[in-house]
Amino acid sequence: MEDWVRANVGYGCRKGLKPESPNQDSFSLVVVESDFAMYGVYDGHGPAGHDCSDLSLRKLCSAFLNDPDREKDPGAVLTKVFLETQEILMKQGQFDTSGTTCTIVYHDRKLDKLTIAHVGDSRSVLGKKKDDASPWESLELTTDHKPDLPKEKARIESATPPGRVVFDGYYNHRVFAQNGMYPGLNMSRALGDIIAHKEAGLTAEPDVCVIDLKAEREKYSKLILLVCTDGVWEFILNKEAIGMVQKFPDCQQAVDRLMKESWDRWMKDSDNEITDDITAMLVNL
């Protein structure tokens, strides 16, 4: 099993150039030989975002892996444990203005199916290649939960109490309470962020999708999976990321290269002043 992981999985988690903040990213990797694999990334934000991402990882993974219905309906169980984790975070007393994204990919290796659940903008992408003569294709498995998406905006504005979606004048639409200029989040779903859940229409309920890898294998000879925080996706498009990592036969070398390229682009864009935390996982499926 350890040999399989070393040969087929690459991962890294690098603190960004943010002197006032610790590394707020976390990641999880659980593999049971011939049974299942579970990949997760978590991107914390706010003053206690690092604690939120770490606690969410531990509570969510433990609850999911110990649930007796995990094999029967992993999507339903993931939805349940996301919401249960949110209830736990609400009782901690330190996450009023801190939270985390979460993207989990569960691979049932006996059925050869992926179940993906996510809140926030840590993205998962499937790379596919039909044959040696064909180009790599990319399939986005998660949709970044941004407040200006019609579905997300409608949910926020119809919440009890309703929130508001406001363009910040620069790059992002942000979520605000009805009667105040807070919390100002640029995502519409997250774990933690208690005030945003109570007053601005945020939710911890994940979107869930299922991919039948058996069907994909009938059409494609090569399949790879990327699961990364937005430190990767801010300046690298899905298709470009897939094209970049497939050039390396070693998964760890490929992830290291992707993370370095992400870092370099952040530095160039910020005149060498700042980069986000960067977490990436690559799986040869």
Protein backbone atom coordinates (compact mmCIF):
# COMPACT_ATOMS: atom_id res chain seq x y z
CA MET A 1 0.00 0.00 0.00
CA GLU A 2 2.78 2.42 0.89
CA ASP A 3 4.51 1.62 -2.40
CA TRP A 4 1.26 2.34 -4.25
CA VAL A 5 0.90 5.72 -2.55
CA ARG A 6 4.50 6.68 -3.31
CA ALA A 7 4.07 5.65 -6.96
CA ASN A 8 0.62 7.14 -7.59
CA VAL A 9 0.09 10.10 -5.27
CA GLY A 10 1.94 13.39 -4.97
CA TYR A 11 1.12 16.07 -2.41
CA GLY A 12 2.43 19.26 -0.88
CA CYS A 13 1.33 22.05 1.45
CA ARG A 14 3.38 25.26 1.48
CA LYS A 15 2.92 28.33 3.65
CA GLY A 16 2.36 31.48 1.63
CA LEU A 17 4.32 34.70 1.95
CA LYS A 18 2.03 36.20 4.59
CA PRO A 19 4.20 37.23 7.57
CA GLU A 20 1.22 37.93 9.84
CA SER A 21 -0.36 34.52 9.34
CA PRO A 22 0.55 30.85 9.81
CA ASN A 23 -0.12 28.32 7.07
CA GLN A 24 -3.92 28.05 7.10
CA ASP A 25 -4.13 25.21 4.57
CA SER A 26 -4.49 21.56 5.60
CA PHE A 27 -4.81 18.30 3.69
CA SER A 28 -5.82 14.72 4.39
CA LEU A 29 -4.87 11.44 2.71
CA VAL A 30 -6.35 8.10 3.76
CA VAL A 31 -5.81 4.91 1.74
CA VAL A 32 -6.88 1.35 2.52
CA GLU A 33 -5.46 -1.12 0.02
CA SER A 34 -7.98 -2.46 -2.54
CA ASP A 35 -10.79 -0.80 -0.57
CA PHE A 36 -10.87 3.00 -0.78
CA ALA A 37 -8.86 6.17 -0.97
CA MET A 38 -9.87 9.56 0.40
CA TYR A 39 -8.26 12.86 -0.56
CA GLY A 40 -9.04 16.22 1.06
CA VAL A 41 -7.87 19.85 1.02
CA TYR A 42 -8.91 22.62 3.40
CA ASP A 43 -8.15 26.35 3.05
CA GLY A 44 -8.65 28.34 6.24
CA HIS A 45 -9.33 32.08 6.41
CA GLY A 46 -9.73 34.65 9.16
CA PRO A 47 -7.80 35.04 12.43
CA ALA A 48 -8.31 31.39 13.47
CA GLY A 49 -8.54 29.90 9.98
CA HIS A 50 -5.63 27.54 10.61
CA ASP A 51 -7.39 26.07 13.65
CA CYS A 52 -10.65 25.82 11.72
CA SER A 53 -9.12 23.95 8.79
CA ASP A 54 -7.29 21.55 11.11
CA LEU A 55 -10.28 20.84 13.36
CA SER A 56 -12.60 20.44 10.35
CA LEU A 57 -10.20 17.91 8.83
CA ARG A 58 -10.08 15.80 11.98
CA LYS A 59 -13.78 15.87 12.78
CA LEU A 60 -15.00 15.37 9.22
CA CYS A 61 -12.63 12.54 8.34
CA SER A 62 -13.26 10.69 11.59
CA ALA A 63 -17.05 10.97 11.31
CA PHE A 64 -17.13 9.92 7.67
CA LEU A 65 -14.75 6.97 7.94
CA ASN A 66 -16.57 5.60 11.00
CA ASP A 67 -20.08 5.95 9.57
CA PRO A 68 -21.67 2.52 8.89
CA ASP A 69 -23.44 3.86 5.78
CA ARG A 70 -20.25 5.17 4.15
CA GLU A 71 -20.01 2.43 1.54
CA LYS A 72 -23.75 2.35 0.81
CA ASP A 73 -24.22 6.07 0.16
CA PRO A 74 -21.01 8.09 0.55
CA GLY A 75 -22.59 11.25 -0.87
CA ALA A 76 -25.33 11.34 1.74
CA VAL A 77 -22.87 10.56 4.52
CA LEU A 78 -20.51 13.32 3.39
CA THR A 79 -23.37 15.83 3.39
CA LYS A 80 -24.34 14.72 6.90
CA VAL A 81 -20.82 14.97 8.32
CA PHE A 82 -20.20 18.39 6.73
CA LEU A 83 -23.26 19.68 8.59
CA GLU A 84 -22.29 17.85 11.79
CA THR A 85 -18.81 19.38 11.60
CA GLN A 86 -20.39 22.82 11.28
CA GLU A 87 -22.39 22.18 14.47
CA ILE A 88 -19.16 21.27 16.26
CA LEU A 89 -17.42 24.43 15.03
CA MET A 90 -20.32 26.58 16.22
CA LYS A 91 -19.73 25.37 19.78
CA GLN A 92 -16.01 26.20 19.83
CA GLY A 93 -16.35 29.93 20.42
CA GLN A 94 -13.44 30.98 18.20
CA PHE A 95 -14.80 30.82 14.65
CA ASP A 96 -17.19 33.78 14.47
CA THR A 97 -15.11 35.35 11.70
CA SER A 98 -12.90 32.41 10.73
CA GLY A 99 -13.67 29.46 8.50
CA THR A 100 -12.37 27.03 5.92
CA THR A 101 -13.13 25.58 2.54
CA CYS A 102 -13.28 21.81 2.23
CA THR A 103 -13.07 19.52 -0.79
CA ILE A 104 -13.21 15.76 -0.27
CA VAL A 105 -12.79 13.14 -3.01
CA TYR A 106 -13.73 9.61 -1.94
CA HIS A 107 -12.65 6.81 -4.30
CA ASP A 108 -14.49 3.54 -3.72
CA ARG A 109 -11.93 1.25 -5.33
CA LYS A 110 -14.23 -1.77 -5.32
CA LEU A 111 -16.95 0.02 -7.31
CA ASP A 112 -14.40 2.33 -9.00
CA LYS A 113 -16.46 5.44 -8.31
CA LEU A 114 -15.49 8.93 -7.17
CA THR A 115 -17.76 10.86 -4.82
CA ILE A 116 -16.83 14.52 -4.50
CA ALA A 117 -18.20 16.89 -1.85
CA HIS A 118 -17.11 20.49 -1.42
CA VAL A 119 -17.79 23.90 0.08
CA GLY A 120 -15.83 26.96 -1.03
CA ASP A 121 -13.31 27.33 -3.83
CA SER A 122 -10.78 24.53 -3.33
CA ARG A 123 -11.13 22.87 -6.69
CA SER A 124 -10.92 19.30 -8.00
CA VAL A 125 -10.23 18.51 -11.66
CA LEU A 126 -10.15 15.22 -13.56
CA GLY A 127 -7.61 14.87 -16.38
CA LYS A 128 -8.45 12.43 -19.19
CA LYS A 129 -6.54 11.15 -22.22
CA LYS A 130 -7.95 8.76 -24.83
CA ASP A 131 -4.69 7.52 -26.34
CA ASP A 132 -1.11 8.60 -26.95
CA ALA A 133 -2.11 10.64 -30.01
CA SER A 134 -4.93 12.50 -28.24
CA PRO A 135 -4.63 15.68 -26.17
CA TRP A 136 -5.36 15.74 -22.47
CA GLU A 137 -8.87 16.86 -21.54
CA SER A 138 -9.96 18.40 -18.24
CA LEU A 139 -13.25 18.03 -16.38
CA GLU A 140 -13.98 20.32 -13.44
CA LEU A 141 -15.50 18.21 -10.67
CA THR A 142 -16.31 21.15 -8.38
CA THR A 143 -17.75 24.59 -9.07
CA ASP A 144 -16.17 27.36 -7.00
CA HIS A 145 -18.81 28.62 -4.59
CA LYS A 146 -18.80 32.30 -5.47
CA PRO A 147 -21.58 34.66 -4.28
CA ASP A 148 -22.41 36.01 -7.75
CA LEU A 149 -23.35 32.61 -9.17
CA PRO A 150 -27.13 32.82 -9.79
CA LYS A 151 -27.90 29.76 -7.66
CA GLU A 152 -25.74 30.98 -4.78
CA LYS A 153 -26.97 34.58 -4.93
CA ALA A 154 -30.61 33.44 -4.91
CA ARG A 155 -30.01 31.23 -1.89
CA ILE A 156 -28.19 33.98 0.03
CA GLU A 157 -30.86 36.59 -0.68
CA SER A 158 -33.69 34.23 0.32
CA ALA A 159 -32.04 33.00 3.53
CA THR A 160 -33.48 33.68 6.99
CA PRO A 161 -32.31 36.31 7.64
CA PRO A 162 -31.29 37.25 4.07
CA GLY A 163 -27.77 38.23 3.13
CA ARG A 164 -26.53 40.58 0.42
CA VAL A 165 -24.14 40.07 -2.50
CA VAL A 166 -22.11 43.18 -3.30
CA PHE A 167 -19.30 43.78 -5.82
CA ASP A 168 -16.25 45.11 -4.00
CA GLY A 169 -15.17 47.37 -6.86
CA TYR A 170 -12.04 45.36 -7.60
CA TYR A 171 -12.26 41.65 -8.42
CA ASN A 172 -14.78 39.92 -6.17
CA HIS A 173 -18.43 39.78 -5.21
CA ARG A 174 -18.74 39.46 -1.44
CA VAL A 175 -21.34 38.34 1.07
CA PHE A 176 -22.65 40.86 3.61
CA ALA A 177 -25.30 40.88 6.31
CA GLN A 178 -28.49 42.77 5.54
CA ASN A 179 -27.74 45.64 7.92
CA GLY A 180 -23.95 45.86 8.02
CA MET A 181 -20.76 45.79 5.98
CA TYR A 182 -19.65 42.43 7.34
CA PRO A 183 -18.41 39.69 6.99
CA GLY A 184 -17.33 40.47 3.38
CA LEU A 185 -16.52 36.89 2.36
CA ASN A 186 -15.76 36.18 -1.30
CA MET A 187 -17.30 32.69 -1.10
CA SER A 188 -20.87 31.56 -0.52
CA ARG A 189 -20.26 28.27 1.32
CA ALA A 190 -17.75 27.37 4.01
CA LEU A 191 -17.26 25.60 7.31
CA GLY A 192 -16.99 27.87 10.33
CA ASP A 193 -17.76 31.59 9.76
CA ILE A 194 -20.49 31.51 12.39
CA ILE A 195 -21.63 35.14 11.95
CA ALA A 196 -21.87 34.69 8.17
CA HIS A 197 -24.01 31.58 8.67
CA LYS A 198 -26.28 33.31 11.15
CA GLU A 199 -26.62 36.70 9.45
CA ALA A 200 -25.53 36.55 5.79
CA GLY A 201 -26.90 33.35 4.25
CA LEU A 202 -23.74 31.25 4.21
CA THR A 203 -24.15 27.46 4.31
CA ALA A 204 -21.97 24.45 5.09
CA GLU A 205 -24.04 22.07 2.98
CA PRO A 206 -21.76 20.69 0.25
CA ASP A 207 -22.41 20.16 -3.41
CA VAL A 208 -21.93 16.48 -4.21
CA CYS A 209 -21.24 14.73 -7.51
CA VAL A 210 -20.39 11.16 -8.50
CA ILE A 211 -18.08 10.02 -11.31
CA ASP A 212 -18.20 6.42 -12.57
CA LEU A 213 -14.58 5.67 -13.39
CA LYS A 214 -15.51 2.37 -15.03
CA ALA A 215 -17.40 4.32 -17.68
CA GLU A 216 -14.52 6.76 -18.05
CA ARG A 217 -12.03 3.91 -18.50
CA GLU A 218 -14.03 2.61 -21.45
CA LYS A 219 -13.23 5.84 -23.31
CA TYR A 220 -9.94 6.97 -21.79
CA SER A 221 -6.66 5.15 -21.30
CA LYS A 222 -5.27 7.61 -18.72
CA LEU A 223 -6.99 9.36 -15.82
CA ILE A 224 -5.46 11.71 -13.26
CA LEU A 225 -6.98 13.70 -10.41
CA LEU A 226 -6.00 17.11 -9.04
CA VAL A 227 -7.33 18.44 -5.71
CA CYS A 228 -5.93 21.86 -4.81
CA THR A 229 -6.65 24.99 -2.78
CA ASP A 230 -7.10 28.27 -4.63
CA GLY A 231 -3.42 29.05 -4.11
CA VAL A 232 -2.99 26.91 -7.22
CA TRP A 233 -6.06 28.00 -9.19
CA GLU A 234 -5.69 31.77 -8.80
CA PHE A 235 -3.30 32.01 -11.76
CA ILE A 236 -3.44 28.56 -13.40
CA LEU A 237 -6.36 27.31 -15.49
CA ASN A 238 -7.65 23.74 -15.17
CA LYS A 239 -6.42 22.58 -18.56
CA GLU A 240 -3.03 24.21 -18.05
CA ALA A 241 -2.58 22.49 -14.69
CA ILE A 242 -3.42 19.09 -16.19
CA GLY A 243 -1.01 19.72 -19.04
CA MET A 244 1.72 20.74 -16.63
CA VAL A 245 1.58 17.74 -14.28
CA GLN A 246 1.23 15.08 -16.98
CA LYS A 247 4.72 15.91 -18.27
CA PHE A 248 6.28 14.24 -15.23
CA PRO A 249 6.28 10.45 -14.75
CA ASP A 250 6.67 10.94 -10.99
CA CYS A 251 3.59 12.31 -9.21
CA GLN A 252 5.59 14.04 -6.49
CA GLN A 253 7.84 15.80 -9.00
CA ALA A 254 4.72 16.90 -10.88
CA VAL A 255 3.11 18.38 -7.75
CA ASP A 256 6.33 20.13 -6.76
CA ARG A 257 6.49 21.71 -10.22
CA LEU A 258 2.85 22.81 -10.09
CA MET A 259 3.32 24.38 -6.67
CA LYS A 260 6.49 26.19 -7.73
CA GLU A 261 4.77 27.60 -10.81
CA SER A 262 1.86 28.76 -8.65
CA TRP A 263 4.26 30.43 -6.21
CA ASP A 264 6.19 32.15 -9.00
CA ARG A 265 3.01 33.55 -10.56
CA TRP A 266 1.79 34.91 -7.23
CA MET A 267 5.14 36.59 -6.69
CA LYS A 268 5.17 38.11 -10.16
CA ASP A 269 1.63 39.44 -9.79
CA SER A 270 2.32 40.95 -6.36
CA ASP A 271 5.77 42.39 -7.14
CA ASN A 272 7.31 39.79 -4.82
CA GLU A 273 5.22 40.93 -1.84
CA ILE A 274 2.68 38.17 -1.19
CA THR A 275 1.56 34.65 -2.07
CA ASP A 276 -1.32 32.60 -0.78
CA ASP A 277 -0.84 29.28 1.01
CA ILE A 278 -0.59 26.55 -1.63
CA THR A 279 -1.78 22.94 -1.30
CA ALA A 280 -1.95 20.41 -4.12
CA MET A 281 -2.64 16.70 -4.44
CA LEU A 282 -2.18 14.67 -7.64
CA VAL A 283 -3.43 11.10 -8.05
CA ASN A 284 -2.73 8.73 -10.91
CA LEU A 285 -6.05 6.93 -11.26
